[in-house]
Protein backbone atom coordinates (compact mmCIF):
# COMPACT_ATOMS: atom_id res chain seq x y z
CA MET A 1 105.07 86.12 99.36
CA ILE A 2 107.73 85.91 96.12
CA LEU A 3 111.43 85.45 97.35
CA TYR A 4 114.47 87.21 95.62
CA PRO A 5 117.36 84.75 95.64
CA THR A 6 120.21 87.35 95.21
CA ILE A 7 123.45 87.53 93.06
CA GLU A 8 126.18 90.10 94.60
CA LEU A 9 129.23 90.90 92.29
CA MET A 10 132.63 91.99 92.55
CA ASN A 11 135.43 91.60 90.02
CA GLY A 12 132.76 89.15 88.01
CA ARG A 13 132.65 86.71 90.81
CA CYS A 14 129.82 85.90 93.66
CA VAL A 15 130.57 87.22 97.08
CA SER A 16 128.81 88.19 100.09
CA LEU A 17 129.43 90.62 102.19
CA HIS A 18 130.36 91.13 106.07
CA ARG A 19 129.22 93.92 107.80
CA GLY A 20 128.59 95.46 104.36
CA ARG A 21 132.34 95.88 103.86
CA LEU A 22 133.44 95.45 100.63
CA GLU A 23 137.25 95.14 101.60
CA GLU A 24 136.08 91.73 103.30
CA PRO A 25 133.89 89.75 101.02
CA SER A 26 133.13 86.25 101.38
CA ILE A 27 133.60 84.69 98.19
CA TRP A 28 131.73 81.74 96.29
CA HIS A 29 133.57 79.71 93.82
CA VAL A 30 130.43 79.33 91.59
CA ASP A 31 129.44 80.52 88.22
CA PRO A 32 126.73 83.90 88.84
CA VAL A 33 125.17 82.63 85.19
CA ALA A 34 125.19 79.06 86.22
CA LYS A 35 124.02 80.42 89.72
CA ALA A 36 121.24 82.39 87.94
CA GLN A 37 119.63 79.55 85.80
CA GLU A 38 119.79 77.67 89.07
CA PHE A 39 117.45 79.62 90.86
CA ALA A 40 115.37 79.82 87.72
CA HIS A 41 115.29 76.24 87.80
CA ALA A 42 114.24 76.16 91.12
CA GLY A 43 111.01 77.95 90.87
CA ALA A 44 111.94 81.52 91.54
CA GLU A 45 110.18 83.83 89.87
CA TRP A 46 112.58 87.20 89.98
CA MET A 47 116.31 87.16 91.03
CA HIS A 48 117.89 90.44 92.71
CA VAL A 49 121.23 91.79 91.06
CA THR A 50 123.76 93.75 93.01
CA ASP A 51 126.71 95.14 91.85
CA PHE A 52 129.20 96.40 94.02
CA ASP A 53 131.86 97.41 91.79
CA ALA A 54 129.09 99.61 89.89
CA MET A 55 129.21 101.45 93.44
CA GLN A 56 132.21 102.46 93.07
CA GLY A 57 132.02 103.60 89.68
CA LYS A 58 133.66 100.51 87.91
CA ASP A 59 132.26 98.88 84.85
CA ILE A 60 133.84 95.70 85.05
CA ASN A 61 130.96 93.54 85.75
CA ARG A 62 129.05 94.95 82.70
CA GLN A 63 129.49 91.30 80.79
CA THR A 64 128.60 89.07 83.82
CA VAL A 65 125.30 91.27 84.30
CA LEU A 66 124.16 91.21 80.63
CA ASN A 67 125.06 87.98 80.52
CA ILE A 68 123.46 87.07 83.75
CA ILE A 69 120.15 89.24 82.31
CA ARG A 70 120.00 87.28 78.76
CA GLY A 71 120.58 83.77 80.40
CA ALA A 72 119.09 83.79 83.74
CA GLY A 73 115.51 82.66 82.20
CA ILE A 74 113.76 84.85 85.19
CA PRO A 75 113.21 88.82 85.57
CA VAL A 76 116.46 90.72 87.16
CA GLN A 77 115.92 93.66 89.81
CA LEU A 78 119.23 95.46 89.48
CA GLY A 79 121.08 97.16 91.96
CA GLY A 80 124.38 99.25 92.17
CA GLY A 81 125.35 102.69 91.35
CA PHE A 82 122.39 103.70 89.28
CA ARG A 83 123.26 107.45 89.97
CA SER A 84 122.31 109.14 86.68
CA ARG A 85 119.21 109.49 84.34
CA ASP A 86 121.35 107.57 81.29
CA ARG A 87 122.23 104.56 83.60
CA ILE A 88 119.07 103.57 84.64
CA GLU A 89 117.67 103.96 81.02
CA GLU A 90 120.45 101.88 79.18
CA TRP A 91 120.17 98.88 81.45
CA ILE A 92 116.63 98.91 80.78
CA ASP A 93 117.16 98.90 77.59
CA LEU A 94 119.44 96.20 77.98
CA GLY A 95 116.88 94.09 79.88
CA ALA A 96 116.73 94.75 83.50
CA GLY A 97 113.54 94.24 84.86
CA ARG A 98 113.99 96.56 87.34
CA ILE A 99 115.89 99.10 88.70
CA VAL A 100 117.11 99.98 92.31
CA VAL A 101 117.47 103.26 93.46
CA GLY A 102 118.82 104.89 96.70
CA THR A 103 121.38 107.27 96.67
CA LEU A 104 120.41 109.12 93.89
CA ALA A 105 116.77 109.22 95.56
CA ALA A 106 118.23 111.12 98.45
CA ASN A 107 120.31 113.28 95.91
CA ASN A 108 117.46 114.13 93.54
CA PRO A 109 114.08 113.34 94.82
CA HIS A 110 112.67 114.71 91.55
CA LEU A 111 114.52 112.77 89.19
CA VAL A 112 113.51 109.31 90.25
CA LYS A 113 109.83 110.67 90.42
CA GLU A 114 110.03 111.37 86.78
CA LEU A 115 111.81 108.26 86.45
CA ALA A 116 109.14 106.35 88.26
CA ASP A 117 106.38 108.28 86.31
CA HIS A 118 108.07 107.10 82.68
CA HIS A 119 108.89 103.19 83.81
CA PRO A 120 106.10 101.91 85.53
CA ASP A 121 106.80 99.04 87.20
CA GLN A 122 110.58 99.04 86.83
CA ILE A 123 111.93 101.42 89.66
CA VAL A 124 112.41 100.49 93.12
CA LEU A 125 113.45 102.43 95.89
CA ALA A 126 115.52 100.82 98.13
CA VAL A 127 115.20 102.16 102.04
CA ASP A 128 118.61 100.79 104.34
CA ILE A 129 117.91 101.84 107.46
CA TRP A 130 120.76 102.07 110.59
CA LYS A 131 120.12 103.79 113.91
CA GLY A 132 116.94 105.13 112.65
CA HIS A 133 118.56 106.93 109.48
CA VAL A 134 118.47 106.09 105.98
CA LEU A 135 122.15 105.40 104.24
CA ILE A 136 123.31 106.42 100.98
CA GLU A 137 126.45 105.49 98.95
CA GLY A 138 126.41 102.04 99.48
CA TRP A 139 125.92 102.53 103.71
CA LYS A 140 128.98 104.78 103.87
CA GLN A 141 127.24 107.48 104.44
CA GLN A 142 124.03 108.98 106.33
CA SER A 143 121.49 110.54 104.60
CA VAL A 144 119.21 113.65 106.40
CA TYR A 145 116.65 111.20 106.16
CA THR A 146 114.63 109.26 108.69
CA PRO A 147 113.35 106.10 107.09
CA GLU A 148 109.57 107.55 107.25
CA GLY A 149 110.33 110.86 106.26
CA PHE A 150 112.13 109.07 102.99
CA VAL A 151 109.29 107.34 102.47
CA ASP A 152 106.60 110.06 103.16
CA ALA A 153 108.94 111.93 100.38
CA PHE A 154 107.83 109.80 97.96
CA LYS A 155 104.23 109.51 98.43
CA GLY A 156 102.17 108.83 95.65
CA THR A 157 105.28 107.94 93.19
CA PRO A 158 104.11 104.70 91.39
CA PHE A 159 107.61 102.47 92.21
CA ALA A 160 107.19 98.78 91.55
CA ALA A 161 108.71 97.46 95.02
CA MET A 162 110.41 99.23 97.79
CA ILE A 163 113.60 97.43 99.91
CA VAL A 164 113.74 97.98 103.72
CA THR A 165 117.20 97.00 104.77
CA ASP A 166 117.75 97.13 108.43
CA ILE A 167 121.26 97.63 108.18
CA ASP A 168 121.17 96.69 112.31
CA ALA A 169 119.66 93.16 111.52
CA ASP A 170 122.54 92.22 108.93
CA LEU A 171 124.68 92.76 112.45
CA ASP A 172 122.55 91.00 115.02
CA GLU A 173 119.55 89.00 114.55
CA SER A 174 116.85 90.65 116.20
CA ASP A 175 113.04 90.63 116.00
CA ARG A 176 113.28 94.65 115.93
CA SER A 177 114.00 94.25 112.54
CA LEU A 178 110.84 92.52 111.73
CA GLY A 179 108.70 95.44 113.65
CA LEU A 180 110.64 97.87 111.96
CA ILE A 181 109.86 96.35 108.20
CA SER A 182 106.46 95.34 108.68
CA LYS A 183 105.93 99.59 110.33
CA ILE A 184 106.95 100.83 107.01
CA ALA A 185 104.97 97.96 104.99
CA ASP A 186 101.59 99.00 106.88
CA LYS A 187 101.70 102.54 105.98
CA SER A 188 103.02 102.03 102.08
CA LYS A 189 101.02 101.70 99.07
CA VAL A 190 104.29 100.34 97.80
CA PRO A 191 104.81 97.17 98.15
CA VAL A 192 107.51 95.87 100.31
CA ILE A 193 110.24 93.70 100.06
CA ALA A 194 112.51 92.66 103.01
CA SER A 195 116.27 92.59 103.13
CA GLY A 196 118.85 91.42 105.41
CA ILE A 197 116.57 89.46 107.77
CA VAL A 198 115.95 86.09 106.14
CA ARG A 199 118.19 83.17 107.17
CA THR A 200 115.81 80.44 108.20
CA LEU A 201 112.31 78.96 106.99
CA ASP A 202 110.75 80.25 109.89
CA ASP A 203 112.11 84.22 109.13
CA ILE A 204 110.07 83.52 105.80
CA SER A 205 107.27 82.19 107.76
CA ARG A 206 107.04 84.87 110.32
CA LEU A 207 107.27 87.29 107.24
CA ARG A 208 104.71 85.87 105.03
CA LEU A 209 102.26 85.71 107.90
CA LEU A 210 102.67 89.36 108.63
CA GLY A 211 100.88 90.10 106.04
CA SER A 212 101.83 93.32 104.40
CA VAL A 213 105.25 92.33 103.32
CA SER A 214 105.35 91.28 99.39
CA GLY A 215 108.45 89.56 99.01
CA ALA A 216 111.78 89.11 100.77
CA ILE A 217 115.31 89.26 99.39
CA VAL A 218 117.68 85.85 100.26
CA GLY A 219 121.71 85.62 99.73
CA ARG A 220 123.92 84.74 102.27
CA ALA A 221 121.99 81.75 103.44
CA LEU A 222 121.58 80.13 100.35
CA TYR A 223 125.13 80.02 99.78
CA HIS A 224 125.26 78.74 103.24
CA LYS A 225 123.23 75.99 102.44
CA THR A 226 121.42 76.68 105.67
CA LEU A 227 118.38 77.55 103.46
CA ASP A 228 117.73 75.38 100.40
CA LEU A 229 115.76 77.70 98.13
CA GLY A 230 113.11 75.37 96.58
CA GLU A 231 111.97 75.07 100.26
CA ALA A 232 111.83 78.37 100.61
CA LEU A 233 110.05 79.28 97.79
CA LYS A 234 107.20 76.85 99.09
CA GLU A 235 107.35 78.54 102.39
CA ALA A 236 106.80 81.75 101.05
CA ARG A 237 103.88 80.88 98.72
CA PRO A 238 102.60 77.61 99.87
CA ASP A 239 99.43 77.64 97.53
CA THR A 240 101.58 78.10 94.57
CA SER A 241 103.78 75.23 92.73
CA HIS A 242 104.82 76.39 89.08
CA VAL A 243 108.12 77.50 87.71
CA ALA A 244 107.99 81.23 86.29
CA GLU A 245 108.34 81.72 82.31
CA PHE A 246 110.19 84.16 81.48
CA ILE A 247 110.26 85.78 77.48
């Protein structure tokens, strides 16, 4: 199982959101580029970056994201505000390893399928779930899709991966979240990355033992220091002990 340590950006700073509220960020006083390099030195094979300002149409983190991509030493999976072909292809050209789409997929599935065909292994589908429906627009709007319907709508699409976030799990610890993500992973032929439920080594172990989940995004626990990345990477891939190189 691959772990994706995460940097979430707002106004050029590393943040975490409480209950998805953009107006109440927890600010971490670390340099984003240095933090990305720290992830690579710990042995991470990939990292995940979310640009919260880009979700609101602001381009203020552009240089910071570029510096992360160019300085991290590992490939970057980038999400936040990808609403058009031009922006997606621009960031692929700028070196992003993968681009995450959610709102665009709900609003223009034909375009997203086309992009996935044209950029194999570089487009990731975000499935953000709240009370049985997929949320879009940065978790602000409920779409018409159920999780199952959303996934089925893209059957056969060559996504690099699918990020499944049970938004309830970001609020309340619950085994139900594990069951929900596992159910989607069991049905999907696309690798599923779990988001929002890793807080401890035990959470990583439980996900790995499921067998059907290919990865997990880890963020807040690293900044709160309730989880050590080196130990987490060993738990995720106990038979592997190497630092990935990316040129």
